[in-house]
Amino acid sequence: MSTPQWNDTFMRLFTEAVDRFHQGHTRWQDIFTAPEIEFLATIGYRTREMFDFVEDFAQEGDPSPTTALLVASVRRDFFLTAQRGIVSNTTLITVNELPTFGDEVHGIAYLPRIIKKAEGKLYGNLDPDIMYCCGGDRKFLREHGNIHPADFLRMIWGAKGDRQKIVTYVLNAMKNAGQEG
C-alpha cells in the first residue's frame, strides 16, 4: 500500500472537517485532532487557516475545496522552498496593520489590503483573525480580472515586493476579462 500524497491527505482532512462542522464542531480550536494539526504544520499551515476555508465552504459553498487545496499548495511550496520548512519568526500581521478597505494603488481600492494579506499568507504570519481568500478577497479578485486566489498568491511570490508588477498583473487580468481598468 502506498503512502498518500500530501494533497490527498489535505482533501480528506478538508472533507472530514466539513462533516465535523456540520455535526456541530464549529470552533477552530476543537475541529482537528493532534495528528491532523501535525500534518498541517508540515505544509506550513496553522489550524485556523484550514478552519477558515472549511467554515466558509460549509456555510457558503465558497471557496471550493479545490481552491482551498490550490491556495494551500502555494503556501506549502513557499514554506518548503523559500522558507526551507522553517516557520517564520516574524510578528503576526494584525488587523490594525492592514491597509483599509478604501486604500488604493493605481486607483484600485482594496488592492493594498489584499497584497498585504497575500504576503502574510505566503510567510505564514497572518494573525489567526485574518483570512487570505475571505469573502472580500474573493469578491475583489472576481471583480478585477476573475483572478484565482492561488494565482494571485503565486503572483505575489513572484513579484517579490514589486508593487508595479502586481498592479500590471491586475490591470492585465482586468483587460483580458473585458473589465475596465
C-alpha atoms as a PDB file:
ATOM      1  CA  MET A   1       0.000   0.000   0.000  1.00  0.00           C
ATOM      2  CA  SER A   2       1.398   3.393  -0.942  1.00  0.00           C
ATOM      3  CA  THR A   3       1.566   6.433   1.327  1.00  0.00           C
ATOM      4  CA  PRO A   4      -0.982   9.082   0.369  1.00  0.00           C
ATOM      5  CA  GLN A   5       0.355  12.256  -1.192  1.00  0.00           C
ATOM      6  CA  TRP A   6       0.027  15.395   0.902  1.00  0.00           C
ATOM      7  CA  ASN A   7      -2.762  16.692  -1.349  1.00  0.00           C
ATOM      8  CA  ASP A   8      -4.826  13.534  -0.801  1.00  0.00           C
ATOM      9  CA  THR A   9      -4.373  13.916   2.946  1.00  0.00           C
ATOM     10  CA  PHE A  10      -5.342  17.590   2.693  1.00  0.00           C
ATOM     11  CA  MET A  11      -8.517  16.829   0.725  1.00  0.00           C
ATOM     12  CA  ARG A  12      -9.517  14.009   3.097  1.00  0.00           C
ATOM     13  CA  LEU A  13      -8.950  16.293   6.068  1.00  0.00           C
ATOM     14  CA  PHE A  14     -10.926  19.098   4.437  1.00  0.00           C
ATOM     15  CA  THR A  15     -13.874  16.797   3.730  1.00  0.00           C
ATOM     16  CA  GLU A  16     -13.813  15.336   7.236  1.00  0.00           C
ATOM     17  CA  ALA A  17     -13.594  18.795   8.792  1.00  0.00           C
ATOM     18  CA  VAL A  18     -16.609  19.978   6.774  1.00  0.00           C
ATOM     19  CA  ASP A  19     -18.534  16.922   8.037  1.00  0.00           C
ATOM     20  CA  ARG A  20     -17.466  17.706  11.617  1.00  0.00           C
ATOM     21  CA  PHE A  21     -18.513  21.336  11.158  1.00  0.00           C
ATOM     22  CA  HIS A  22     -21.988  20.228  10.029  1.00  0.00           C
ATOM     23  CA  GLN A  23     -22.123  17.929  13.071  1.00  0.00           C
ATOM     24  CA  GLY A  24     -21.675  20.930  15.353  1.00  0.00           C
ATOM     25  CA  HIS A  25     -17.900  21.237  15.739  1.00  0.00           C
ATOM     26  CA  THR A  26     -17.883  24.907  14.789  1.00  0.00           C
ATOM     27  CA  ARG A  27     -14.882  26.126  16.781  1.00  0.00           C
ATOM     28  CA  TRP A  28     -11.445  26.085  15.186  1.00  0.00           C
ATOM     29  CA  GLN A  29      -9.877  25.083  18.482  1.00  0.00           C
ATOM     30  CA  ASP A  30     -11.533  21.645  18.549  1.00  0.00           C
ATOM     31  CA  ILE A  31     -12.237  20.555  14.993  1.00  0.00           C
ATOM     32  CA  PHE A  32      -8.852  18.903  14.307  1.00  0.00           C
ATOM     33  CA  THR A  33      -7.061  16.027  16.026  1.00  0.00           C
ATOM     34  CA  ALA A  34      -3.428  16.212  17.160  1.00  0.00           C
ATOM     35  CA  PRO A  35      -2.165  14.162  14.147  1.00  0.00           C
ATOM     36  CA  GLU A  36      -4.130  16.441  11.807  1.00  0.00           C
ATOM     37  CA  ILE A  37      -2.581  19.523  13.394  1.00  0.00           C
ATOM     38  CA  GLU A  38       0.850  17.927  12.965  1.00  0.00           C
ATOM     39  CA  PHE A  39       0.097  17.280   9.289  1.00  0.00           C
ATOM     40  CA  LEU A  40      -0.962  20.904   8.757  1.00  0.00           C
ATOM     41  CA  ALA A  41       2.323  22.056  10.300  1.00  0.00           C
ATOM     42  CA  THR A  42       4.254  20.010   7.711  1.00  0.00           C
ATOM     43  CA  ILE A  43       2.736  22.138   4.950  1.00  0.00           C
ATOM     44  CA  GLY A  44       3.215  25.430   6.811  1.00  0.00           C
ATOM     45  CA  TYR A  45      -0.426  25.715   7.830  1.00  0.00           C
ATOM     46  CA  ARG A  46      -1.993  26.668  11.120  1.00  0.00           C
ATOM     47  CA  THR A  47      -5.229  25.124  12.336  1.00  0.00           C
ATOM     48  CA  ARG A  48      -7.164  28.370  11.980  1.00  0.00           C
ATOM     49  CA  GLU A  49      -6.105  28.776   8.330  1.00  0.00           C
ATOM     50  CA  MET A  50      -7.638  25.443   7.396  1.00  0.00           C
ATOM     51  CA  PHE A  51     -10.673  26.057   9.573  1.00  0.00           C
ATOM     52  CA  ASP A  52     -11.486  29.351   7.844  1.00  0.00           C
ATOM     53  CA  PHE A  53     -11.678  27.594   4.460  1.00  0.00           C
ATOM     54  CA  VAL A  54     -13.769  24.783   5.972  1.00  0.00           C
ATOM     55  CA  GLU A  55     -16.137  27.225   7.667  1.00  0.00           C
ATOM     56  CA  ASP A  56     -16.678  29.372   4.564  1.00  0.00           C
ATOM     57  CA  PHE A  57     -17.280  26.308   2.401  1.00  0.00           C
ATOM     58  CA  ALA A  58     -19.614  24.692   4.952  1.00  0.00           C
ATOM     59  CA  GLN A  59     -21.663  27.875   5.310  1.00  0.00           C
ATOM     60  CA  GLU A  60     -21.453  29.455   1.849  1.00  0.00           C
ATOM     61  CA  GLY A  61     -20.166  26.801  -0.563  1.00  0.00           C
ATOM     62  CA  ASP A  62     -17.216  29.050  -1.426  1.00  0.00           C
ATOM     63  CA  PRO A  63     -14.256  28.826  -1.654  1.00  0.00           C
ATOM     64  CA  SER A  64     -14.356  25.350  -3.091  1.00  0.00           C
ATOM     65  CA  PRO A  65     -12.254  22.514  -1.673  1.00  0.00           C
ATOM     66  CA  THR A  66     -10.155  22.733  -4.848  1.00  0.00           C
ATOM     67  CA  THR A  67      -9.456  26.414  -4.223  1.00  0.00           C
ATOM     68  CA  ALA A  68      -8.511  25.601  -0.633  1.00  0.00           C
ATOM     69  CA  LEU A  69      -6.096  22.962  -1.934  1.00  0.00           C
ATOM     70  CA  LEU A  70      -4.564  25.264  -4.552  1.00  0.00           C
ATOM     71  CA  VAL A  71      -4.015  28.067  -2.031  1.00  0.00           C
ATOM     72  CA  ALA A  72      -2.522  25.558   0.415  1.00  0.00           C
ATOM     73  CA  SER A  73      -0.273  24.312  -2.374  1.00  0.00           C
ATOM     74  CA  VAL A  74       1.205  27.762  -2.926  1.00  0.00           C
ATOM     75  CA  ARG A  75       1.736  28.244   0.813  1.00  0.00           C
ATOM     76  CA  ARG A  76       3.289  24.767   1.085  1.00  0.00           C
ATOM     77  CA  ASP A  77       5.623  25.388  -1.853  1.00  0.00           C
ATOM     78  CA  PHE A  78       6.727  28.726  -0.408  1.00  0.00           C
ATOM     79  CA  PHE A  79       7.148  27.196   3.058  1.00  0.00           C
ATOM     80  CA  LEU A  80       9.257  24.305   1.800  1.00  0.00           C
ATOM     81  CA  THR A  81      11.345  26.224  -0.752  1.00  0.00           C
ATOM     82  CA  ALA A  82      11.656  29.882   0.242  1.00  0.00           C
ATOM     83  CA  GLN A  83      11.397  29.248   3.980  1.00  0.00           C
ATOM     84  CA  ARG A  84      13.092  25.842   3.848  1.00  0.00           C
ATOM     85  CA  GLY A  85      10.427  24.381   6.124  1.00  0.00           C
ATOM     86  CA  ILE A  86      11.132  26.838   8.917  1.00  0.00           C
ATOM     87  CA  VAL A  87       8.213  28.701  10.451  1.00  0.00           C
ATOM     88  CA  SER A  88       8.592  32.472  10.225  1.00  0.00           C
ATOM     89  CA  ASN A  89       9.645  34.171  13.449  1.00  0.00           C
ATOM     90  CA  THR A  90       8.158  37.426  12.201  1.00  0.00           C
ATOM     91  CA  THR A  91       5.489  39.059  14.327  1.00  0.00           C
ATOM     92  CA  LEU A  92       1.993  38.274  13.114  1.00  0.00           C
ATOM     93  CA  ILE A  93       0.256  40.842  10.928  1.00  0.00           C
ATOM     94  CA  THR A  94      -2.790  42.088  12.809  1.00  0.00           C
ATOM     95  CA  VAL A  95      -5.989  43.663  11.510  1.00  0.00           C
ATOM     96  CA  ASN A  96      -4.716  47.091  12.588  1.00  0.00           C
ATOM     97  CA  GLU A  97      -1.661  46.708  10.350  1.00  0.00           C
ATOM     98  CA  LEU A  98      -3.648  46.014   7.198  1.00  0.00           C
ATOM     99  CA  PRO A  99      -4.384  48.825   4.772  1.00  0.00           C
ATOM    100  CA  THR A 100      -8.020  49.905   4.923  1.00  0.00           C
ATOM    101  CA  PHE A 101     -10.664  48.689   2.504  1.00  0.00           C
ATOM    102  CA  GLY A 102     -10.515  52.038   0.722  1.00  0.00           C
ATOM    103  CA  ASP A 103      -6.737  52.384   0.391  1.00  0.00           C
ATOM    104  CA  GLU A 104      -5.676  52.393  -3.254  1.00  0.00           C
ATOM    105  CA  VAL A 105      -2.781  51.521  -5.513  1.00  0.00           C
ATOM    106  CA  HIS A 106      -3.029  52.936  -9.052  1.00  0.00           C
ATOM    107  CA  GLY A 107      -6.622  53.948  -8.273  1.00  0.00           C
ATOM    108  CA  ILE A 108      -7.605  50.384  -7.324  1.00  0.00           C
ATOM    109  CA  ALA A 109      -9.243  50.286  -3.902  1.00  0.00           C
ATOM    110  CA  TYR A 110      -8.585  47.232  -1.689  1.00  0.00           C
ATOM    111  CA  LEU A 111      -5.501  46.219  -3.686  1.00  0.00           C
ATOM    112  CA  PRO A 112      -3.038  47.320  -0.958  1.00  0.00           C
ATOM    113  CA  ARG A 113      -5.034  45.292   1.584  1.00  0.00           C
ATOM    114  CA  ILE A 114      -5.126  42.066  -0.415  1.00  0.00           C
ATOM    115  CA  ILE A 115      -1.436  42.417  -1.277  1.00  0.00           C
ATOM    116  CA  LYS A 116      -0.547  42.663   2.429  1.00  0.00           C
ATOM    117  CA  LYS A 117      -2.785  39.695   3.239  1.00  0.00           C
ATOM    118  CA  ALA A 118      -1.281  37.606   0.439  1.00  0.00           C
ATOM    119  CA  GLU A 119       2.244  38.425   1.605  1.00  0.00           C
ATOM    120  CA  GLY A 120       1.256  37.418   5.121  1.00  0.00           C
ATOM    121  CA  LYS A 121      -0.257  34.186   3.820  1.00  0.00           C
ATOM    122  CA  LEU A 122       2.939  33.312   1.962  1.00  0.00           C
ATOM    123  CA  TYR A 123       5.096  33.849   5.038  1.00  0.00           C
ATOM    124  CA  GLY A 124       2.592  32.247   7.403  1.00  0.00           C
ATOM    125  CA  ASN A 125       2.406  35.324   9.579  1.00  0.00           C
ATOM    126  CA  LEU A 126      -1.222  36.412   9.368  1.00  0.00           C
ATOM    127  CA  ASP A 127      -2.961  36.840  12.700  1.00  0.00           C
ATOM    128  CA  PRO A 128      -5.479  33.988  13.136  1.00  0.00           C
ATOM    129  CA  ASP A 129      -8.305  36.540  12.852  1.00  0.00           C
ATOM    130  CA  ILE A 130      -7.287  37.378   9.269  1.00  0.00           C
ATOM    131  CA  MET A 131      -8.084  35.098   6.349  1.00  0.00           C
ATOM    132  CA  TYR A 132      -6.464  35.346   2.960  1.00  0.00           C
ATOM    133  CA  CYS A 133      -9.202  34.383   0.472  1.00  0.00           C
ATOM    134  CA  CYS A 134     -12.055  35.640   2.648  1.00  0.00           C
ATOM    135  CA  GLY A 135     -15.275  36.760   1.010  1.00  0.00           C
ATOM    136  CA  GLY A 136     -13.928  40.287   0.437  1.00  0.00           C
ATOM    137  CA  ASP A 137     -10.761  38.947  -1.192  1.00  0.00           C
ATOM    138  CA  ARG A 138     -12.738  36.590  -3.419  1.00  0.00           C
ATOM    139  CA  LYS A 139     -15.059  39.427  -4.460  1.00  0.00           C
ATOM    140  CA  PHE A 140     -12.117  41.715  -5.265  1.00  0.00           C
ATOM    141  CA  LEU A 141     -10.366  39.050  -7.338  1.00  0.00           C
ATOM    142  CA  ARG A 142     -13.568  38.203  -9.256  1.00  0.00           C
ATOM    143  CA  GLU A 143     -14.226  41.864  -9.989  1.00  0.00           C
ATOM    144  CA  HIS A 144     -10.642  42.576 -11.037  1.00  0.00           C
ATOM    145  CA  GLY A 145      -9.995  40.102 -13.802  1.00  0.00           C
ATOM    146  CA  ASN A 146     -11.552  36.987 -12.295  1.00  0.00           C
ATOM    147  CA  ILE A 147      -8.170  36.104 -10.785  1.00  0.00           C
ATOM    148  CA  HIS A 148      -7.944  32.815  -8.933  1.00  0.00           C
ATOM    149  CA  PRO A 149      -6.778  33.309  -5.311  1.00  0.00           C
ATOM    150  CA  ALA A 150      -3.924  30.796  -5.790  1.00  0.00           C
ATOM    151  CA  ASP A 151      -2.784  32.568  -8.964  1.00  0.00           C
ATOM    152  CA  PHE A 152      -2.756  35.902  -7.139  1.00  0.00           C
ATOM    153  CA  LEU A 153      -0.753  34.348  -4.317  1.00  0.00           C
ATOM    154  CA  ARG A 154       1.798  32.973  -6.797  1.00  0.00           C
ATOM    155  CA  MET A 155       1.994  36.405  -8.442  1.00  0.00           C
ATOM    156  CA  ILE A 156       2.735  37.993  -5.068  1.00  0.00           C
ATOM    157  CA  TRP A 157       5.518  35.445  -4.550  1.00  0.00           C
ATOM    158  CA  GLY A 158       6.981  36.102  -7.992  1.00  0.00           C
ATOM    159  CA  ALA A 159       6.729  39.893  -7.687  1.00  0.00           C
ATOM    160  CA  LYS A 160       8.981  39.850  -4.609  1.00  0.00           C
ATOM    161  CA  GLY A 161       7.521  43.083  -3.303  1.00  0.00           C
ATOM    162  CA  ASP A 162       7.447  44.931  -6.640  1.00  0.00           C
ATOM    163  CA  ARG A 163       4.081  46.705  -6.425  1.00  0.00           C
ATOM    164  CA  GLN A 164       4.232  47.791 -10.075  1.00  0.00           C
ATOM    165  CA  LYS A 165       4.407  44.162 -11.224  1.00  0.00           C
ATOM    166  CA  ILE A 166       1.352  43.391  -9.114  1.00  0.00           C
ATOM    167  CA  VAL A 167      -0.592  46.395 -10.456  1.00  0.00           C
ATOM    168  CA  THR A 168       0.320  45.443 -14.025  1.00  0.00           C
ATOM    169  CA  TYR A 169      -0.808  41.859 -13.382  1.00  0.00           C
ATOM    170  CA  VAL A 170      -4.190  43.012 -12.049  1.00  0.00           C
ATOM    171  CA  LEU A 171      -4.703  45.549 -14.860  1.00  0.00           C
ATOM    172  CA  ASN A 172      -3.833  42.914 -17.484  1.00  0.00           C
ATOM    173  CA  ALA A 173      -6.221  40.429 -15.877  1.00  0.00           C
ATOM    174  CA  MET A 174      -8.970  43.052 -15.958  1.00  0.00           C
ATOM    175  CA  LYS A 175      -8.231  43.874 -19.607  1.00  0.00           C
ATOM    176  CA  ASN A 176      -8.248  40.184 -20.566  1.00  0.00           C
ATOM    177  CA  ALA A 177     -11.572  39.721 -18.760  1.00  0.00           C
ATOM    178  CA  GLY A 178     -13.060  42.695 -20.629  1.00  0.00           C
ATOM    179  CA  GLN A 179     -13.225  44.825 -17.492  1.00  0.00           C
ATOM    180  CA  GLU A 180     -12.213  48.450 -17.373  1.00  0.00           C
ATOM    181  CA  GLY A 181      -9.033  49.345 -15.507  1.00  0.00           C
END
